[in-house]
Amino acid sequence: MTGETTLKEVIARLGRAIEGLENAVATKLESERDYSEAEAEVQRLNADRSRLAQELDNSEARAERLEDANKEVSRRLVTAMETIRAVLDR
């Protein structure tokens, strides 16, 4: 009987070891899947960041052009007002 008991114990231990291994593999696979999802999200965020940076650069360039145009219009208005004053003062 001790031989059978020992064999049963060994088989039970082997079963527990296999079960533990299966759980470890499942945990590892889940972890890798989570990592893959996180990596994909980081790539999406980087793409969004690049797109937003480009949009910001474009907006800043447009704002600068508008500011330059505003200064030119202001300068022309001042010149026109001075010309009108000079004509009226004659």
N, C-alpha and C. Protein backbone atom coordinates (compact mmCIF):
# COMPACT_ATOMS: atom_id res chain seq x y z
N MET A 1 0.80 -1.19 0.00
CA MET A 1 0.00 0.00 0.00
C MET A 1 0.85 1.26 0.00
N THR A 2 2.00 1.25 0.61
CA THR A 2 2.81 2.47 0.66
C THR A 2 3.26 2.87 -0.73
N GLY A 3 3.49 1.89 -1.59
CA GLY A 3 3.87 2.18 -2.97
C GLY A 3 2.75 2.91 -3.69
N GLU A 4 1.51 2.46 -3.50
CA GLU A 4 0.36 3.11 -4.11
C GLU A 4 0.14 4.49 -3.52
N THR A 5 0.27 4.61 -2.23
CA THR A 5 0.09 5.90 -1.58
C THR A 5 1.14 6.88 -2.09
N THR A 6 2.36 6.45 -2.19
CA THR A 6 3.43 7.31 -2.68
C THR A 6 3.16 7.70 -4.13
N LEU A 7 2.71 6.74 -4.94
CA LEU A 7 2.41 7.03 -6.34
C LEU A 7 1.25 8.02 -6.44
N LYS A 8 0.22 7.81 -5.63
CA LYS A 8 -0.91 8.74 -5.62
C LYS A 8 -0.46 10.14 -5.19
N GLU A 9 0.40 10.18 -4.18
CA GLU A 9 0.90 11.48 -3.72
C GLU A 9 1.71 12.17 -4.81
N VAL A 10 2.53 11.40 -5.50
CA VAL A 10 3.36 11.96 -6.57
C VAL A 10 2.47 12.47 -7.70
N ILE A 11 1.46 11.68 -8.06
CA ILE A 11 0.53 12.09 -9.13
C ILE A 11 -0.23 13.35 -8.70
N ALA A 12 -0.65 13.40 -7.44
CA ALA A 12 -1.36 14.59 -6.93
C ALA A 12 -0.44 15.80 -6.97
N ARG A 13 0.81 15.63 -6.53
CA ARG A 13 1.77 16.74 -6.56
C ARG A 13 2.02 17.19 -8.00
N LEU A 14 2.14 16.22 -8.90
CA LEU A 14 2.34 16.55 -10.31
C LEU A 14 1.13 17.32 -10.85
N GLY A 15 -0.06 16.89 -10.47
CA GLY A 15 -1.28 17.59 -10.89
C GLY A 15 -1.30 19.02 -10.38
N ARG A 16 -0.92 19.21 -9.12
CA ARG A 16 -0.88 20.57 -8.55
C ARG A 16 0.19 21.42 -9.24
N ALA A 17 1.31 20.80 -9.55
CA ALA A 17 2.39 21.51 -10.23
C ALA A 17 1.94 21.94 -11.63
N ILE A 18 1.27 21.04 -12.35
CA ILE A 18 0.77 21.36 -13.69
C ILE A 18 -0.27 22.47 -13.60
N GLU A 19 -1.14 22.38 -12.62
CA GLU A 19 -2.16 23.41 -12.42
C GLU A 19 -1.50 24.76 -12.13
N GLY A 20 -0.48 24.75 -11.30
CA GLY A 20 0.26 25.98 -11.00
C GLY A 20 0.93 26.54 -12.24
N LEU A 21 1.49 25.66 -13.05
CA LEU A 21 2.13 26.07 -14.30
C LEU A 21 1.09 26.67 -15.26
N GLU A 22 -0.06 26.03 -15.37
CA GLU A 22 -1.12 26.54 -16.23
C GLU A 22 -1.57 27.93 -15.77
N ASN A 23 -1.71 28.11 -14.45
CA ASN A 23 -2.09 29.42 -13.91
C ASN A 23 -1.02 30.46 -14.20
N ALA A 24 0.24 30.08 -14.07
CA ALA A 24 1.34 31.01 -14.35
C ALA A 24 1.35 31.40 -15.82
N VAL A 25 1.13 30.42 -16.70
CA VAL A 25 1.10 30.71 -18.14
C VAL A 25 -0.08 31.63 -18.46
N ALA A 26 -1.25 31.35 -17.89
CA ALA A 26 -2.42 32.19 -18.13
C ALA A 26 -2.17 33.62 -17.66
N THR A 27 -1.56 33.75 -16.49
CA THR A 27 -1.24 35.08 -15.96
C THR A 27 -0.26 35.80 -16.88
N LYS A 28 0.74 35.08 -17.36
CA LYS A 28 1.75 35.67 -18.25
C LYS A 28 1.11 36.10 -19.56
N LEU A 29 0.24 35.28 -20.13
CA LEU A 29 -0.43 35.63 -21.38
C LEU A 29 -1.32 36.86 -21.20
N GLU A 30 -2.03 36.92 -20.09
CA GLU A 30 -2.88 38.08 -19.81
C GLU A 30 -2.03 39.34 -19.66
N SER A 31 -0.90 39.19 -18.98
CA SER A 31 0.01 40.32 -18.81
C SER A 31 0.54 40.81 -20.15
N GLU A 32 0.92 39.88 -21.02
CA GLU A 32 1.42 40.25 -22.34
C GLU A 32 0.33 40.92 -23.17
N ARG A 33 -0.90 40.44 -23.06
CA ARG A 33 -2.01 41.05 -23.79
C ARG A 33 -2.24 42.47 -23.28
N ASP A 34 -2.20 42.65 -21.96
CA ASP A 34 -2.35 43.99 -21.39
C ASP A 34 -1.22 44.89 -21.86
N TYR A 35 -0.01 44.36 -21.92
CA TYR A 35 1.14 45.14 -22.38
C TYR A 35 0.96 45.55 -23.84
N SER A 36 0.49 44.62 -24.66
CA SER A 36 0.27 44.91 -26.08
C SER A 36 -0.78 46.00 -26.24
N GLU A 37 -1.85 45.93 -25.45
CA GLU A 37 -2.89 46.95 -25.51
C GLU A 37 -2.34 48.30 -25.06
N ALA A 38 -1.52 48.30 -24.02
CA ALA A 38 -0.93 49.54 -23.54
C ALA A 38 0.03 50.12 -24.58
N GLU A 39 0.79 49.25 -25.22
CA GLU A 39 1.72 49.70 -26.25
C GLU A 39 0.96 50.31 -27.43
N ALA A 40 -0.14 49.69 -27.82
CA ALA A 40 -0.96 50.23 -28.92
C ALA A 40 -1.53 51.59 -28.52
N GLU A 41 -1.95 51.72 -27.28
CA GLU A 41 -2.49 53.01 -26.80
C GLU A 41 -1.40 54.08 -26.80
N VAL A 42 -0.19 53.72 -26.42
CA VAL A 42 0.92 54.68 -26.44
C VAL A 42 1.19 55.12 -27.88
N GLN A 43 1.13 54.20 -28.82
CA GLN A 43 1.34 54.56 -30.22
C GLN A 43 0.25 55.51 -30.71
N ARG A 44 -1.01 55.25 -30.31
CA ARG A 44 -2.11 56.14 -30.69
C ARG A 44 -1.90 57.52 -30.07
N LEU A 45 -1.48 57.56 -28.81
CA LEU A 45 -1.25 58.84 -28.15
C LEU A 45 -0.11 59.60 -28.81
N ASN A 46 0.95 58.90 -29.20
CA ASN A 46 2.06 59.56 -29.90
C ASN A 46 1.61 60.12 -31.24
N ALA A 47 0.78 59.37 -31.95
CA ALA A 47 0.26 59.86 -33.24
C ALA A 47 -0.59 61.11 -33.01
N ASP A 48 -1.45 61.08 -31.99
CA ASP A 48 -2.27 62.24 -31.66
C ASP A 48 -1.40 63.43 -31.28
N ARG A 49 -0.37 63.17 -30.49
CA ARG A 49 0.53 64.23 -30.06
C ARG A 49 1.22 64.87 -31.26
N SER A 50 1.67 64.06 -32.21
CA SER A 50 2.32 64.58 -33.40
C SER A 50 1.34 65.42 -34.22
N ARG A 51 0.13 64.91 -34.37
CA ARG A 51 -0.89 65.65 -35.13
C ARG A 51 -1.21 66.98 -34.46
N LEU A 52 -1.38 66.94 -33.15
CA LEU A 52 -1.69 68.17 -32.42
C LEU A 52 -0.54 69.17 -32.45
N ALA A 53 0.69 68.66 -32.40
CA ALA A 53 1.86 69.55 -32.49
C ALA A 53 1.90 70.23 -33.85
N GLN A 54 1.59 69.48 -34.91
CA GLN A 54 1.56 70.06 -36.25
C GLN A 54 0.46 71.11 -36.36
N GLU A 55 -0.72 70.81 -35.81
CA GLU A 55 -1.82 71.77 -35.83
C GLU A 55 -1.45 73.03 -35.05
N LEU A 56 -0.78 72.86 -33.92
CA LEU A 56 -0.34 74.01 -33.13
C LEU A 56 0.64 74.86 -33.92
N ASP A 57 1.61 74.22 -34.57
CA ASP A 57 2.58 74.95 -35.38
C ASP A 57 1.87 75.73 -36.49
N ASN A 58 0.90 75.09 -37.15
CA ASN A 58 0.15 75.76 -38.21
C ASN A 58 -0.64 76.95 -37.67
N SER A 59 -1.25 76.75 -36.50
CA SER A 59 -2.04 77.83 -35.89
C SER A 59 -1.15 79.00 -35.48
N GLU A 60 0.02 78.70 -34.94
CA GLU A 60 0.94 79.76 -34.55
C GLU A 60 1.43 80.53 -35.78
N ALA A 61 1.70 79.82 -36.86
CA ALA A 61 2.13 80.49 -38.10
C ALA A 61 1.02 81.38 -38.64
N ARG A 62 -0.21 80.89 -38.60
CA ARG A 62 -1.36 81.68 -39.07
C ARG A 62 -1.55 82.90 -38.19
N ALA A 63 -1.44 82.73 -36.88
CA ALA A 63 -1.58 83.86 -35.96
C ALA A 63 -0.52 84.91 -36.23
N GLU A 64 0.69 84.48 -36.54
CA GLU A 64 1.77 85.42 -36.85
C GLU A 64 1.47 86.18 -38.14
N ARG A 65 0.97 85.46 -39.15
CA ARG A 65 0.60 86.13 -40.41
C ARG A 65 -0.52 87.14 -40.18
N LEU A 66 -1.51 86.77 -39.37
CA LEU A 66 -2.61 87.69 -39.08
C LEU A 66 -2.12 88.91 -38.32
N GLU A 67 -1.21 88.70 -37.40
CA GLU A 67 -0.64 89.81 -36.64
C GLU A 67 0.11 90.76 -37.58
N ASP A 68 0.88 90.21 -38.50
CA ASP A 68 1.61 91.04 -39.47
C ASP A 68 0.62 91.81 -40.34
N ALA A 69 -0.44 91.14 -40.79
CA ALA A 69 -1.45 91.81 -41.62
C ALA A 69 -2.13 92.91 -40.82
N ASN A 70 -2.41 92.65 -39.55
CA ASN A 70 -3.04 93.65 -38.69
C ASN A 70 -2.15 94.89 -38.55
N LYS A 71 -0.86 94.66 -38.36
CA LYS A 71 0.08 95.78 -38.25
C LYS A 71 0.12 96.59 -39.54
N GLU A 72 0.10 95.90 -40.67
CA GLU A 72 0.12 96.59 -41.97
C GLU A 72 -1.14 97.41 -42.16
N VAL A 73 -2.30 96.84 -41.83
CA VAL A 73 -3.56 97.57 -41.95
C VAL A 73 -3.55 98.78 -41.03
N SER A 74 -3.07 98.62 -39.82
CA SER A 74 -2.99 99.73 -38.87
C SER A 74 -2.09 100.84 -39.42
N ARG A 75 -0.94 100.45 -39.96
CA ARG A 75 -0.01 101.44 -40.53
C ARG A 75 -0.67 102.19 -41.67
N ARG A 76 -1.39 101.47 -42.53
CA ARG A 76 -2.06 102.12 -43.67
C ARG A 76 -3.18 103.05 -43.20
N LEU A 77 -3.90 102.65 -42.16
CA LEU A 77 -4.95 103.52 -41.63
C LEU A 77 -4.36 104.81 -41.07
N VAL A 78 -3.27 104.69 -40.36
CA VAL A 78 -2.61 105.89 -39.81
C VAL A 78 -2.17 106.81 -40.95
N THR A 79 -1.60 106.22 -41.99
CA THR A 79 -1.17 107.01 -43.16
C THR A 79 -2.36 107.70 -43.81
N ALA A 80 -3.47 106.96 -43.98
CA ALA A 80 -4.67 107.53 -44.59
C ALA A 80 -5.23 108.65 -43.74
N MET A 81 -5.27 108.47 -42.42
CA MET A 81 -5.79 109.52 -41.53
C MET A 81 -4.92 110.76 -41.61
N GLU A 82 -3.62 110.58 -41.65
CA GLU A 82 -2.71 111.72 -41.74
C GLU A 82 -2.89 112.46 -43.07
N THR A 83 -3.10 111.70 -44.13
CA THR A 83 -3.33 112.33 -45.43
C THR A 83 -4.64 113.11 -45.43
N ILE A 84 -5.68 112.55 -44.85
CA ILE A 84 -6.98 113.24 -44.77
C ILE A 84 -6.85 114.51 -43.95
N ARG A 85 -6.15 114.46 -42.82
CA ARG A 85 -5.93 115.65 -41.99
C ARG A 85 -5.19 116.73 -42.77
N ALA A 86 -4.16 116.30 -43.51
CA ALA A 86 -3.39 117.27 -44.28
C ALA A 86 -4.25 117.93 -45.33
N VAL A 87 -5.13 117.17 -45.98
CA VAL A 87 -6.02 117.73 -47.01
C VAL A 87 -7.00 118.68 -46.35
N LEU A 88 -7.57 118.31 -45.20
CA LEU A 88 -8.55 119.15 -44.51
C LEU A 88 -7.93 120.43 -43.96
N ASP A 89 -6.68 120.37 -43.59
CA ASP A 89 -6.00 121.54 -43.02
C ASP A 89 -5.65 122.58 -44.08
N ARG A 90 -5.74 122.29 -45.33
CA ARG A 90 -5.36 123.24 -46.38
C ARG A 90 -6.35 124.31 -46.57
